[in-house]
Structures are given as C-alpha cells and as structure tokens.
Amino acid sequence: MTPIELLALIDGDTVASGKAAIGDDSGCAARCIVIAPPVRVPVPAADLQYEAMIGMSWGVMKVKASQAEVALEIRALCYQFIDQVQSGRPIDFALPQVSQMLAAMVATGIVSQATADAIIAKSWAPQTITANDVSAAMSPRRPGGRI
C-alpha cells in the first residue's frame, strides 16, 4: 500500500484518523491492518496438500491421475495439481490459470467446493502496515514531517 493509499484509508476511518491525529501511529497502524482490504499471497504447498487431504480430494486426485479409464483431461488436471504441490513451491491463486485449474477441479468433482473455499481462504492475508508506514503517510500533514 502506498503512502497515498494509506492516507486515504486513514481518512476514511474515524478511529484510524483519530489515532493518527494525536500521533498514535502504532494504534493507527493496528486499526489500519483491521480495515485494510486483504492481499493475495501464494499458498504454501503443504497447506494445499493438507486442505486437499482433509477434504478427501488428495486421494481422489491420486486415484484419478493413475486410472487409464479416466478422461485424459481429468488425469492431466490431477497430475498438474499433484506435481505442483509435490514440488514444494507455493501456488499463487492470483494467477488466472491457477484459479481456473481449481475451478475445473470443482466442476469435475475432483475437489469439493468446501475444500476449494478453504484453499482460496488461505490465499488472502492481512496487509502489513507499521507505525513507520503511518508516519510516512501522515508526514505531509504534520509540522516538520514525521512525529
């Protein structure tokens, strides 16, 4: 979040603006973390595998990926997901193709909607906003700049 965006966030909230006005940048930052929109973050592969295991989807994927009678597109989808998770690399659901892959897995019954929702929930995180960020955003309004 840029200082200008943070200033607009502060101005739009009476609690945050009140804390900023009295120089309570730590309190203002804490409030801003609560009211700021979350940001997308890549999901660790272990978290994805955990959610898929709890939702019983991991086993379904493993079976469907190995059965020759399963349609090639579904096997490929399962292999792709399993390969990505087993690589250990985080998966970024902000990428359209990744979101489309998960949607296709729900549409074909490989992953339940509840499991997909749990996975997507892990891809959102609160923004990091510090007292220094608030101080920088508020500096044009303060005598001598920062407090």
C-alpha atoms as a PDB file:
ATOM      1  CA  MET A   1       0.000   0.000   0.000  1.00  0.00           C
ATOM      2  CA  THR A   2       1.423   3.369  -0.990  1.00  0.00           C
ATOM      3  CA  PRO A   3       1.520   6.275   1.475  1.00  0.00           C
ATOM      4  CA  ILE A   4      -1.245   7.999  -0.533  1.00  0.00           C
ATOM      5  CA  GLU A   5      -3.443   4.886  -0.379  1.00  0.00           C
ATOM      6  CA  LEU A   6      -2.740   4.544   3.343  1.00  0.00           C
ATOM      7  CA  LEU A   7      -3.640   8.192   3.907  1.00  0.00           C
ATOM      8  CA  ALA A   8      -6.964   7.639   2.117  1.00  0.00           C
ATOM      9  CA  LEU A   9      -7.599   4.572   4.296  1.00  0.00           C
ATOM     10  CA  ILE A  10      -6.842   6.567   7.451  1.00  0.00           C
ATOM     11  CA  ASP A  11      -9.038   9.464   6.327  1.00  0.00           C
ATOM     12  CA  GLY A  12     -11.913   7.078   5.675  1.00  0.00           C
ATOM     13  CA  ASP A  13     -11.993   5.712   9.224  1.00  0.00           C
ATOM     14  CA  THR A  14     -12.750   7.851  12.275  1.00  0.00           C
ATOM     15  CA  VAL A  15     -10.835   5.581  14.677  1.00  0.00           C
ATOM     16  CA  ALA A  16      -7.702   5.473  12.499  1.00  0.00           C
ATOM     17  CA  SER A  17      -7.788   9.195  11.757  1.00  0.00           C
ATOM     18  CA  GLY A  18      -8.299   9.991  15.436  1.00  0.00           C
ATOM     19  CA  LYS A  19      -5.266   7.937  16.423  1.00  0.00           C
ATOM     20  CA  ALA A  20      -3.168   9.460  13.640  1.00  0.00           C
ATOM     21  CA  ALA A  21      -4.220  12.980  14.634  1.00  0.00           C
ATOM     22  CA  ILE A  22      -2.845  12.533  18.155  1.00  0.00           C
ATOM     23  CA  GLY A  23       0.356  10.875  16.900  1.00  0.00           C
ATOM     24  CA  ASP A  24      -0.556   7.328  17.951  1.00  0.00           C
ATOM     25  CA  ASP A  25       0.961   5.796  14.845  1.00  0.00           C
ATOM     26  CA  SER A  26       1.161   2.323  16.386  1.00  0.00           C
ATOM     27  CA  GLY A  27      -2.523   2.394  17.293  1.00  0.00           C
ATOM     28  CA  CYS A  28      -3.393   3.773  13.881  1.00  0.00           C
ATOM     29  CA  ALA A  29      -1.356   1.033  12.175  1.00  0.00           C
ATOM     30  CA  ALA A  30      -3.122  -1.645  14.217  1.00  0.00           C
ATOM     31  CA  ARG A  31      -6.509  -0.224  13.198  1.00  0.00           C
ATOM     32  CA  CYS A  32      -5.451   0.045   9.551  1.00  0.00           C
ATOM     33  CA  ILE A  33      -4.464  -3.625   9.466  1.00  0.00           C
ATOM     34  CA  VAL A  34      -8.029  -4.463  10.529  1.00  0.00           C
ATOM     35  CA  ILE A  35      -9.763  -2.216   7.992  1.00  0.00           C
ATOM     36  CA  ALA A  36      -7.416  -2.564   5.006  1.00  0.00           C
ATOM     37  CA  PRO A  37      -8.503  -4.988   2.289  1.00  0.00           C
ATOM     38  CA  PRO A  38      -6.579  -8.261   2.409  1.00  0.00           C
ATOM     39  CA  VAL A  39      -3.956  -9.024  -0.215  1.00  0.00           C
ATOM     40  CA  ARG A  40      -3.353 -12.192  -2.226  1.00  0.00           C
ATOM     41  CA  VAL A  41      -0.413 -14.305  -1.153  1.00  0.00           C
ATOM     42  CA  PRO A  42       0.924 -17.543  -2.592  1.00  0.00           C
ATOM     43  CA  VAL A  43      -0.257 -20.590  -0.641  1.00  0.00           C
ATOM     44  CA  PRO A  44       2.440 -22.929   0.673  1.00  0.00           C
ATOM     45  CA  ALA A  45       2.269 -26.344  -0.996  1.00  0.00           C
ATOM     46  CA  ALA A  46       1.990 -28.083   2.395  1.00  0.00           C
ATOM     47  CA  ASP A  47      -1.140 -26.057   3.217  1.00  0.00           C
ATOM     48  CA  LEU A  48      -2.714 -27.042  -0.099  1.00  0.00           C
ATOM     49  CA  GLN A  49      -1.967 -30.700   0.445  1.00  0.00           C
ATOM     50  CA  TYR A  50      -3.345 -30.503   3.988  1.00  0.00           C
ATOM     51  CA  GLU A  51      -6.630 -28.957   2.831  1.00  0.00           C
ATOM     52  CA  ALA A  52      -6.923 -31.463  -0.014  1.00  0.00           C
ATOM     53  CA  MET A  53      -6.290 -34.348   2.388  1.00  0.00           C
ATOM     54  CA  ILE A  54      -8.877 -33.114   4.900  1.00  0.00           C
ATOM     55  CA  GLY A  55     -11.425 -32.646   2.113  1.00  0.00           C
ATOM     56  CA  MET A  56     -10.636 -36.153   0.799  1.00  0.00           C
ATOM     57  CA  SER A  57      -9.637 -34.634  -2.547  1.00  0.00           C
ATOM     58  CA  TRP A  58      -5.978 -35.654  -2.399  1.00  0.00           C
ATOM     59  CA  GLY A  59      -6.844 -39.350  -2.548  1.00  0.00           C
ATOM     60  CA  VAL A  60      -9.357 -38.773  -5.342  1.00  0.00           C
ATOM     61  CA  MET A  61      -6.689 -36.924  -7.331  1.00  0.00           C
ATOM     62  CA  LYS A  62      -4.122 -39.675  -6.833  1.00  0.00           C
ATOM     63  CA  VAL A  63      -6.583 -42.355  -7.950  1.00  0.00           C
ATOM     64  CA  LYS A  64      -7.932 -40.403 -10.942  1.00  0.00           C
ATOM     65  CA  ALA A  65      -4.427 -39.484 -12.077  1.00  0.00           C
ATOM     66  CA  SER A  66      -3.435 -43.141 -12.264  1.00  0.00           C
ATOM     67  CA  GLN A  67      -6.531 -44.697 -13.853  1.00  0.00           C
ATOM     68  CA  ALA A  68      -6.372 -45.143 -17.615  1.00  0.00           C
ATOM     69  CA  GLU A  69     -10.170 -45.178 -17.932  1.00  0.00           C
ATOM     70  CA  VAL A  70     -10.406 -41.626 -16.567  1.00  0.00           C
ATOM     71  CA  ALA A  71     -10.627 -38.958 -19.273  1.00  0.00           C
ATOM     72  CA  LEU A  72      -7.243 -37.628 -20.321  1.00  0.00           C
ATOM     73  CA  GLU A  73      -8.161 -34.010 -19.407  1.00  0.00           C
ATOM     74  CA  ILE A  74      -9.081 -35.020 -15.859  1.00  0.00           C
ATOM     75  CA  ARG A  75      -5.942 -37.146 -15.430  1.00  0.00           C
ATOM     76  CA  ALA A  76      -3.840 -34.243 -16.706  1.00  0.00           C
ATOM     77  CA  LEU A  77      -5.538 -31.843 -14.301  1.00  0.00           C
ATOM     78  CA  CYS A  78      -4.859 -34.173 -11.376  1.00  0.00           C
ATOM     79  CA  TYR A  79      -1.230 -34.719 -12.407  1.00  0.00           C
ATOM     80  CA  GLN A  80      -0.687 -30.995 -12.800  1.00  0.00           C
ATOM     81  CA  PHE A  81      -2.033 -30.208  -9.332  1.00  0.00           C
ATOM     82  CA  ILE A  82      -0.193 -33.105  -7.667  1.00  0.00           C
ATOM     83  CA  ASP A  83       3.054 -32.161  -9.417  1.00  0.00           C
ATOM     84  CA  GLN A  84       2.773 -28.540  -8.335  1.00  0.00           C
ATOM     85  CA  VAL A  85       2.044 -29.437  -4.724  1.00  0.00           C
ATOM     86  CA  GLN A  86       4.797 -32.055  -4.543  1.00  0.00           C
ATOM     87  CA  SER A  87       7.308 -29.589  -5.986  1.00  0.00           C
ATOM     88  CA  GLY A  88       7.050 -27.694  -2.717  1.00  0.00           C
ATOM     89  CA  ARG A  89       6.663 -24.356  -4.485  1.00  0.00           C
ATOM     90  CA  PRO A  90       3.918 -22.017  -3.248  1.00  0.00           C
ATOM     91  CA  ILE A  91       0.895 -21.717  -5.516  1.00  0.00           C
ATOM     92  CA  ASP A  92      -0.339 -18.256  -6.465  1.00  0.00           C
ATOM     93  CA  PHE A  93      -4.128 -18.148  -6.840  1.00  0.00           C
ATOM     94  CA  ALA A  94      -3.905 -14.565  -8.100  1.00  0.00           C
ATOM     95  CA  LEU A  95      -2.826 -16.091 -11.416  1.00  0.00           C
ATOM     96  CA  PRO A  96      -5.907 -16.693 -13.591  1.00  0.00           C
ATOM     97  CA  GLN A  97      -4.717 -20.081 -14.822  1.00  0.00           C
ATOM     98  CA  VAL A  98      -4.321 -21.357 -11.261  1.00  0.00           C
ATOM     99  CA  SER A  99      -7.807 -20.189 -10.278  1.00  0.00           C
ATOM    100  CA  GLN A 100      -9.170 -21.783 -13.461  1.00  0.00           C
ATOM    101  CA  MET A 101      -7.455 -25.065 -12.597  1.00  0.00           C
ATOM    102  CA  LEU A 102      -9.104 -25.129  -9.177  1.00  0.00           C
ATOM    103  CA  ALA A 103     -12.493 -24.224 -10.694  1.00  0.00           C
ATOM    104  CA  ALA A 104     -12.126 -27.066 -13.215  1.00  0.00           C
ATOM    105  CA  MET A 105     -11.324 -29.463 -10.381  1.00  0.00           C
ATOM    106  CA  VAL A 106     -14.520 -28.412  -8.601  1.00  0.00           C
ATOM    107  CA  ALA A 107     -16.565 -28.664 -11.808  1.00  0.00           C
ATOM    108  CA  THR A 108     -15.362 -32.218 -12.444  1.00  0.00           C
ATOM    109  CA  GLY A 109     -15.928 -33.328  -8.847  1.00  0.00           C
ATOM    110  CA  ILE A 110     -12.261 -33.863  -8.021  1.00  0.00           C
ATOM    111  CA  VAL A 111     -12.348 -31.186  -5.324  1.00  0.00           C
ATOM    112  CA  SER A 112     -15.394 -30.222  -3.280  1.00  0.00           C
ATOM    113  CA  GLN A 113     -16.495 -26.593  -3.177  1.00  0.00           C
ATOM    114  CA  ALA A 114     -15.797 -26.579   0.583  1.00  0.00           C
ATOM    115  CA  THR A 115     -12.210 -27.694   0.001  1.00  0.00           C
ATOM    116  CA  ALA A 116     -11.766 -25.124  -2.776  1.00  0.00           C
ATOM    117  CA  ASP A 117     -13.122 -22.410  -0.475  1.00  0.00           C
ATOM    118  CA  ALA A 118     -10.683 -23.443   2.273  1.00  0.00           C
ATOM    119  CA  ILE A 119      -7.794 -23.329  -0.194  1.00  0.00           C
ATOM    120  CA  ILE A 120      -8.814 -19.911  -1.529  1.00  0.00           C
ATOM    121  CA  ALA A 121      -9.190 -18.572   2.030  1.00  0.00           C
ATOM    122  CA  LYS A 122      -5.514 -19.375   2.604  1.00  0.00           C
ATOM    123  CA  SER A 123      -4.581 -17.171  -0.354  1.00  0.00           C
ATOM    124  CA  TRP A 124      -5.718 -13.993   1.416  1.00  0.00           C
ATOM    125  CA  ALA A 125      -3.711 -12.271   4.138  1.00  0.00           C
ATOM    126  CA  PRO A 126      -3.975  -9.011   6.047  1.00  0.00           C
ATOM    127  CA  GLN A 127      -1.794  -6.208   4.791  1.00  0.00           C
ATOM    128  CA  THR A 128       1.331  -5.348   6.742  1.00  0.00           C
ATOM    129  CA  ILE A 129       1.096  -1.778   7.998  1.00  0.00           C
ATOM    130  CA  THR A 130       3.565  -0.410  10.521  1.00  0.00           C
ATOM    131  CA  ALA A 131       3.786   2.724  12.630  1.00  0.00           C
ATOM    132  CA  ASN A 132       6.535   3.901  10.274  1.00  0.00           C
ATOM    133  CA  ASP A 133       4.150   3.486   7.324  1.00  0.00           C
ATOM    134  CA  VAL A 134       1.556   5.627   9.110  1.00  0.00           C
ATOM    135  CA  SER A 135       4.194   8.203   9.984  1.00  0.00           C
ATOM    136  CA  ALA A 136       5.287   8.410   6.343  1.00  0.00           C
ATOM    137  CA  ALA A 137       1.692   8.732   5.130  1.00  0.00           C
ATOM    138  CA  MET A 138       0.872  11.418   7.695  1.00  0.00           C
ATOM    139  CA  SER A 139       4.146  13.379   7.346  1.00  0.00           C
ATOM    140  CA  PRO A 140       2.810  15.951   4.839  1.00  0.00           C
ATOM    141  CA  ARG A 141       0.182  16.978   7.398  1.00  0.00           C
ATOM    142  CA  ARG A 142       2.484  17.184  10.384  1.00  0.00           C
ATOM    143  CA  PRO A 143       4.668  20.133  11.326  1.00  0.00           C
ATOM    144  CA  GLY A 144       8.241  19.234  10.448  1.00  0.00           C
ATOM    145  CA  GLY A 145       7.171  15.990   8.776  1.00  0.00           C
ATOM    146  CA  ARG A 146       7.192  12.845  10.888  1.00  0.00           C
ATOM    147  CA  ILE A 147       6.408  12.537  14.569  1.00  0.00           C
END
